[in-house]
Amino acid sequence: MAENLSGSQGTNATRIRNLLIAIAAIALGVAISFGFQTQASSVSLEAQAEQSTPLEVALTNGKPTLTEFYANWCTTCQAMAKDLAQLKQNYADSINFVMLNVDNSKWLPEILRYRVDGIPHFVFLNRQGKAVAQTIGEQPLSVMEANLNALVANSELPYAYSTGQTSTFNAPVNAANSSQDDPRSHGAQVKQ
């Protein structure tokens, strides 16, 4: 009889252990599933860039444009991604949204033209494709909305040239460092 008692205690302990393992496995499964759902619902910069208006189209379709210079590694860009997705949804009919990845050398002429040295860097273009304002760094949703409303109305942007938190970006070419021996200096070595 003592053997039956100790055998049933061992069986009960095994059952309790197995039950705890099963509960832990279920909880872990739920936590992992929730984690994947949260990650999947976050706004991806890459996905937004794929859906953005190509620059060539934006410059010729007669709509004002918000051009964002960004990088996938930029934490400030990532922090603004959700707000920008909302703005794109609200203003899709009246404004072009262009995203140019600073890590793509294809955009070097634009990076130099707009003097991008911190990201995110936003350039507001009027209907003719002329830059009318710039903002650099993280901007509150209300500031971006006010600027976009003014851009649509063809008015002066209330928060032009504002600077928020940025991620440092150094363009691969620095036009200011050209020397007189540089053949690209276009006659700088000619003495007058």
C-alpha atoms as a PDB file:
ATOM      1  CA  MET A   1       0.000   0.000   0.000  1.00  0.00           C
ATOM      2  CA  ALA A   2       2.884   2.370   0.723  1.00  0.00           C
ATOM      3  CA  GLU A   3       4.134   1.665  -2.790  1.00  0.00           C
ATOM      4  CA  ASN A   4       0.767   2.634  -4.311  1.00  0.00           C
ATOM      5  CA  LEU A   5       0.761   5.893  -2.351  1.00  0.00           C
ATOM      6  CA  SER A   6       4.238   6.902  -3.423  1.00  0.00           C
ATOM      7  CA  GLY A   7       3.496   5.802  -7.016  1.00  0.00           C
ATOM      8  CA  SER A   8       0.361   7.932  -7.173  1.00  0.00           C
ATOM      9  CA  GLN A   9       2.244  10.908  -5.706  1.00  0.00           C
ATOM     10  CA  GLY A  10       4.849  10.490  -8.443  1.00  0.00           C
ATOM     11  CA  THR A  11       2.113  10.300 -11.069  1.00  0.00           C
ATOM     12  CA  ASN A  12       0.442  13.420  -9.670  1.00  0.00           C
ATOM     13  CA  ALA A  13       3.737  15.301  -9.657  1.00  0.00           C
ATOM     14  CA  THR A  14       4.334  14.260 -13.263  1.00  0.00           C
ATOM     15  CA  ARG A  15       0.833  15.377 -14.242  1.00  0.00           C
ATOM     16  CA  ILE A  16       1.278  18.759 -12.537  1.00  0.00           C
ATOM     17  CA  ARG A  17       4.673  19.221 -14.204  1.00  0.00           C
ATOM     18  CA  ASN A  18       3.205  18.303 -17.621  1.00  0.00           C
ATOM     19  CA  LEU A  19       0.271  20.664 -17.050  1.00  0.00           C
ATOM     20  CA  LEU A  20       2.650  23.521 -16.163  1.00  0.00           C
ATOM     21  CA  ILE A  21       4.744  22.809 -19.270  1.00  0.00           C
ATOM     22  CA  ALA A  22       1.603  22.824 -21.438  1.00  0.00           C
ATOM     23  CA  ILE A  23       0.420  26.121 -19.928  1.00  0.00           C
ATOM     24  CA  ALA A  24       3.862  27.681 -20.428  1.00  0.00           C
ATOM     25  CA  ALA A  25       3.934  26.463 -24.054  1.00  0.00           C
ATOM     26  CA  ILE A  26       0.504  27.955 -24.736  1.00  0.00           C
ATOM     27  CA  ALA A  27       1.478  31.267 -23.130  1.00  0.00           C
ATOM     28  CA  LEU A  28       4.714  31.358 -25.140  1.00  0.00           C
ATOM     29  CA  GLY A  29       2.825  30.570 -28.353  1.00  0.00           C
ATOM     30  CA  VAL A  30       0.344  33.372 -27.693  1.00  0.00           C
ATOM     31  CA  ALA A  31       3.172  35.811 -26.892  1.00  0.00           C
ATOM     32  CA  ILE A  32       5.052  34.923 -30.082  1.00  0.00           C
ATOM     33  CA  SER A  33       1.881  35.197 -32.173  1.00  0.00           C
ATOM     34  CA  PHE A  34       1.095  38.597 -30.653  1.00  0.00           C
ATOM     35  CA  GLY A  35       4.673  39.713 -31.309  1.00  0.00           C
ATOM     36  CA  PHE A  36       4.424  38.800 -34.994  1.00  0.00           C
ATOM     37  CA  GLN A  37       1.085  40.609 -35.330  1.00  0.00           C
ATOM     38  CA  THR A  38       2.513  43.737 -33.705  1.00  0.00           C
ATOM     39  CA  GLN A  39       5.567  43.622 -35.949  1.00  0.00           C
ATOM     40  CA  ALA A  40       3.479  43.044 -39.079  1.00  0.00           C
ATOM     41  CA  SER A  41       1.168  45.960 -38.285  1.00  0.00           C
ATOM     42  CA  SER A  42       4.025  48.440 -37.936  1.00  0.00           C
ATOM     43  CA  VAL A  43       4.586  50.722 -40.898  1.00  0.00           C
ATOM     44  CA  SER A  44       7.548  49.777 -43.057  1.00  0.00           C
ATOM     45  CA  LEU A  45       9.604  52.535 -44.684  1.00  0.00           C
ATOM     46  CA  GLU A  46      10.475  50.181 -47.521  1.00  0.00           C
ATOM     47  CA  ALA A  47       6.803  49.406 -48.218  1.00  0.00           C
ATOM     48  CA  GLN A  48       5.937  53.110 -48.139  1.00  0.00           C
ATOM     49  CA  ALA A  49       8.777  53.903 -50.530  1.00  0.00           C
ATOM     50  CA  GLU A  50       7.543  51.268 -52.979  1.00  0.00           C
ATOM     51  CA  GLN A  51       4.077  52.849 -52.919  1.00  0.00           C
ATOM     52  CA  SER A  52       5.331  56.426 -53.209  1.00  0.00           C
ATOM     53  CA  THR A  53       5.051  58.508 -56.362  1.00  0.00           C
ATOM     54  CA  PRO A  54       8.134  58.312 -58.595  1.00  0.00           C
ATOM     55  CA  LEU A  55      10.028  61.624 -58.608  1.00  0.00           C
ATOM     56  CA  GLU A  56       9.768  61.996 -62.393  1.00  0.00           C
ATOM     57  CA  VAL A  57       5.966  61.713 -62.203  1.00  0.00           C
ATOM     58  CA  ALA A  58       5.695  64.083 -59.252  1.00  0.00           C
ATOM     59  CA  LEU A  59       7.658  66.778 -61.058  1.00  0.00           C
ATOM     60  CA  THR A  60       5.343  66.714 -64.076  1.00  0.00           C
ATOM     61  CA  ASN A  61       1.802  65.911 -62.902  1.00  0.00           C
ATOM     62  CA  GLY A  62       0.864  69.408 -61.651  1.00  0.00           C
ATOM     63  CA  LYS A  63       0.298  68.414 -58.015  1.00  0.00           C
ATOM     64  CA  PRO A  64       2.337  69.763 -55.089  1.00  0.00           C
ATOM     65  CA  THR A  65       4.834  67.276 -53.666  1.00  0.00           C
ATOM     66  CA  LEU A  66       6.280  66.296 -50.320  1.00  0.00           C
ATOM     67  CA  THR A  67       9.684  64.696 -50.897  1.00  0.00           C
ATOM     68  CA  GLU A  68      11.160  62.756 -47.990  1.00  0.00           C
ATOM     69  CA  PHE A  69      14.841  61.852 -47.877  1.00  0.00           C
ATOM     70  CA  TYR A  70      15.133  58.846 -45.570  1.00  0.00           C
ATOM     71  CA  ALA A  71      17.071  55.662 -44.806  1.00  0.00           C
ATOM     72  CA  ASN A  72      15.805  52.322 -43.529  1.00  0.00           C
ATOM     73  CA  TRP A  73      18.291  52.462 -40.617  1.00  0.00           C
ATOM     74  CA  CYS A  74      17.151  55.942 -39.529  1.00  0.00           C
ATOM     75  CA  THR A  75      15.346  55.635 -36.196  1.00  0.00           C
ATOM     76  CA  THR A  76      13.817  59.097 -36.556  1.00  0.00           C
ATOM     77  CA  CYS A  77      12.457  58.159 -39.994  1.00  0.00           C
ATOM     78  CA  GLN A  78      11.010  54.975 -38.498  1.00  0.00           C
ATOM     79  CA  ALA A  79       9.440  56.977 -35.664  1.00  0.00           C
ATOM     80  CA  MET A  80       7.621  59.193 -38.189  1.00  0.00           C
ATOM     81  CA  ALA A  81       6.559  56.356 -40.511  1.00  0.00           C
ATOM     82  CA  LYS A  82       3.131  55.844 -38.930  1.00  0.00           C
ATOM     83  CA  ASP A  83       2.263  59.571 -39.058  1.00  0.00           C
ATOM     84  CA  LEU A  84       3.458  59.842 -42.652  1.00  0.00           C
ATOM     85  CA  ALA A  85       1.375  56.813 -43.643  1.00  0.00           C
ATOM     86  CA  GLN A  86      -1.648  58.575 -42.149  1.00  0.00           C
ATOM     87  CA  LEU A  87      -0.823  61.807 -44.009  1.00  0.00           C
ATOM     88  CA  LYS A  88      -0.407  59.908 -47.273  1.00  0.00           C
ATOM     89  CA  GLN A  89      -3.810  58.372 -46.774  1.00  0.00           C
ATOM     90  CA  ASN A  90      -5.440  61.746 -45.979  1.00  0.00           C
ATOM     91  CA  TYR A  91      -3.747  63.762 -48.745  1.00  0.00           C
ATOM     92  CA  ALA A  92      -3.246  61.128 -51.475  1.00  0.00           C
ATOM     93  CA  ASP A  93      -5.605  62.888 -53.904  1.00  0.00           C
ATOM     94  CA  SER A  94      -4.035  66.328 -53.624  1.00  0.00           C
ATOM     95  CA  ILE A  95      -0.311  65.792 -52.911  1.00  0.00           C
ATOM     96  CA  ASN A  96       2.429  63.589 -54.343  1.00  0.00           C
ATOM     97  CA  PHE A  97       4.446  61.735 -51.713  1.00  0.00           C
ATOM     98  CA  VAL A  98       7.961  60.935 -52.904  1.00  0.00           C
ATOM     99  CA  MET A  99      10.481  58.956 -50.855  1.00  0.00           C
ATOM    100  CA  LEU A 100      14.173  58.996 -51.777  1.00  0.00           C
ATOM    101  CA  ASN A 101      16.513  56.638 -49.924  1.00  0.00           C
ATOM    102  CA  VAL A 102      19.786  58.447 -49.188  1.00  0.00           C
ATOM    103  CA  ASP A 103      21.643  55.126 -49.332  1.00  0.00           C
ATOM    104  CA  ASN A 104      20.831  54.853 -53.045  1.00  0.00           C
ATOM    105  CA  SER A 105      23.474  56.742 -55.040  1.00  0.00           C
ATOM    106  CA  LYS A 106      20.873  57.309 -57.775  1.00  0.00           C
ATOM    107  CA  TRP A 107      19.556  60.180 -55.639  1.00  0.00           C
ATOM    108  CA  LEU A 108      22.937  61.883 -55.140  1.00  0.00           C
ATOM    109  CA  PRO A 109      22.061  64.844 -57.418  1.00  0.00           C
ATOM    110  CA  GLU A 110      18.909  65.500 -55.367  1.00  0.00           C
ATOM    111  CA  ILE A 111      20.806  65.018 -52.085  1.00  0.00           C
ATOM    112  CA  LEU A 112      23.291  67.682 -53.171  1.00  0.00           C
ATOM    113  CA  ARG A 113      20.665  70.000 -54.699  1.00  0.00           C
ATOM    114  CA  TYR A 114      18.627  70.112 -51.489  1.00  0.00           C
ATOM    115  CA  ARG A 115      21.705  69.982 -49.212  1.00  0.00           C
ATOM    116  CA  VAL A 116      20.570  66.919 -47.301  1.00  0.00           C
ATOM    117  CA  ASP A 117      22.798  66.508 -44.252  1.00  0.00           C
ATOM    118  CA  GLY A 118      20.318  65.079 -41.762  1.00  0.00           C
ATOM    119  CA  ILE A 119      17.360  62.759 -42.155  1.00  0.00           C
ATOM    120  CA  PRO A 120      14.484  62.736 -42.376  1.00  0.00           C
ATOM    121  CA  HIS A 121      14.737  65.762 -44.637  1.00  0.00           C
ATOM    122  CA  PHE A 122      11.487  66.996 -46.192  1.00  0.00           C
ATOM    123  CA  VAL A 123      11.334  69.207 -49.271  1.00  0.00           C
ATOM    124  CA  PHE A 124       7.991  70.789 -50.156  1.00  0.00           C
ATOM    125  CA  LEU A 125       7.580  71.387 -53.895  1.00  0.00           C
ATOM    126  CA  ASN A 126       4.864  73.560 -55.434  1.00  0.00           C
ATOM    127  CA  ARG A 127       2.760  72.488 -58.432  1.00  0.00           C
ATOM    128  CA  GLN A 128       5.575  73.498 -60.803  1.00  0.00           C
ATOM    129  CA  GLY A 129       8.125  71.328 -58.976  1.00  0.00           C
ATOM    130  CA  LYS A 130       9.957  74.261 -57.368  1.00  0.00           C
ATOM    131  CA  ALA A 131      11.127  73.865 -53.759  1.00  0.00           C
ATOM    132  CA  VAL A 132       9.183  76.281 -51.550  1.00  0.00           C
ATOM    133  CA  ALA A 133      10.211  75.028 -48.092  1.00  0.00           C
ATOM    134  CA  GLN A 134      12.213  72.422 -46.220  1.00  0.00           C
ATOM    135  CA  THR A 135      12.037  70.832 -42.792  1.00  0.00           C
ATOM    136  CA  ILE A 136      14.624  68.594 -41.231  1.00  0.00           C
ATOM    137  CA  GLY A 137      14.152  65.989 -38.531  1.00  0.00           C
ATOM    138  CA  GLU A 138      11.205  64.616 -36.662  1.00  0.00           C
ATOM    139  CA  GLN A 139       8.155  66.841 -37.038  1.00  0.00           C
ATOM    140  CA  PRO A 140       4.906  66.571 -35.073  1.00  0.00           C
ATOM    141  CA  LEU A 141       1.895  65.399 -37.065  1.00  0.00           C
ATOM    142  CA  SER A 142       0.187  68.779 -36.527  1.00  0.00           C
ATOM    143  CA  VAL A 143       3.171  70.639 -38.034  1.00  0.00           C
ATOM    144  CA  MET A 144       3.233  68.370 -41.079  1.00  0.00           C
ATOM    145  CA  GLU A 145      -0.528  68.753 -41.543  1.00  0.00           C
ATOM    146  CA  ALA A 146      -0.317  72.550 -41.331  1.00  0.00           C
ATOM    147  CA  ASN A 147       2.467  72.574 -43.929  1.00  0.00           C
ATOM    148  CA  LEU A 148       0.572  70.220 -46.245  1.00  0.00           C
ATOM    149  CA  ASN A 149      -2.621  72.274 -45.953  1.00  0.00           C
ATOM    150  CA  ALA A 150      -0.649  75.398 -46.900  1.00  0.00           C
ATOM    151  CA  LEU A 151       1.047  73.532 -49.764  1.00  0.00           C
ATOM    152  CA  VAL A 152      -2.338  72.465 -51.187  1.00  0.00           C
ATOM    153  CA  ALA A 153      -3.663  76.039 -50.795  1.00  0.00           C
ATOM    154  CA  ASN A 154      -0.539  77.391 -52.530  1.00  0.00           C
ATOM    155  CA  SER A 155       0.188  79.576 -49.464  1.00  0.00           C
ATOM    156  CA  GLU A 156       3.313  80.192 -47.445  1.00  0.00           C
ATOM    157  CA  LEU A 157       4.123  77.205 -45.248  1.00  0.00           C
ATOM    158  CA  PRO A 158       3.806  78.094 -41.558  1.00  0.00           C
ATOM    159  CA  TYR A 159       6.597  75.777 -40.418  1.00  0.00           C
ATOM    160  CA  ALA A 160       9.128  76.117 -43.217  1.00  0.00           C
ATOM    161  CA  TYR A 161      12.781  75.488 -42.433  1.00  0.00           C
ATOM    162  CA  SER A 162      12.080  73.929 -39.040  1.00  0.00           C
ATOM    163  CA  THR A 163      14.482  71.431 -37.551  1.00  0.00           C
ATOM    164  CA  GLY A 164      13.649  68.537 -35.244  1.00  0.00           C
ATOM    165  CA  GLN A 165      15.558  65.437 -34.124  1.00  0.00           C
ATOM    166  CA  THR A 166      17.590  64.000 -37.002  1.00  0.00           C
ATOM    167  CA  SER A 167      19.822  61.083 -37.882  1.00  0.00           C
ATOM    168  CA  THR A 168      23.175  62.255 -39.206  1.00  0.00           C
ATOM    169  CA  PHE A 169      23.829  61.585 -42.857  1.00  0.00           C
ATOM    170  CA  ASN A 170      26.981  62.453 -44.779  1.00  0.00           C
ATOM    171  CA  ALA A 171      26.602  62.609 -48.529  1.00  0.00           C
ATOM    172  CA  PRO A 172      29.188  60.474 -50.324  1.00  0.00           C
ATOM    173  CA  VAL A 173      30.426  63.573 -52.170  1.00  0.00           C
ATOM    174  CA  ASN A 174      31.184  66.925 -50.621  1.00  0.00           C
ATOM    175  CA  ALA A 175      31.223  69.702 -53.186  1.00  0.00           C
ATOM    176  CA  ALA A 176      32.770  72.180 -50.707  1.00  0.00           C
ATOM    177  CA  ASN A 177      36.028  70.222 -50.447  1.00  0.00           C
ATOM    178  CA  SER A 178      37.123  70.467 -54.068  1.00  0.00           C
ATOM    179  CA  SER A 179      40.719  71.538 -54.423  1.00  0.00           C
ATOM    180  CA  GLN A 180      42.295  73.642 -57.149  1.00  0.00           C
ATOM    181  CA  ASP A 181      44.036  70.516 -58.437  1.00  0.00           C
ATOM    182  CA  ASP A 182      40.692  68.807 -58.888  1.00  0.00           C
ATOM    183  CA  PRO A 183      39.820  68.701 -62.612  1.00  0.00           C
ATOM    184  CA  ARG A 184      36.170  69.210 -61.663  1.00  0.00           C
ATOM    185  CA  SER A 185      36.934  72.674 -60.288  1.00  0.00           C
ATOM    186  CA  HIS A 186      36.229  74.146 -63.765  1.00  0.00           C
ATOM    187  CA  GLY A 187      38.998  76.618 -64.179  1.00  0.00           C
ATOM    188  CA  ALA A 188      39.603  77.460 -60.535  1.00  0.00           C
ATOM    189  CA  GLN A 189      43.321  77.060 -61.176  1.00  0.00           C
ATOM    190  CA  VAL A 190      43.269  79.877 -63.770  1.00  0.00           C
ATOM    191  CA  LYS A 191      44.810  82.974 -62.227  1.00  0.00           C
ATOM    192  CA  GLN A 192      43.399  86.349 -63.020  1.00  0.00           C
END
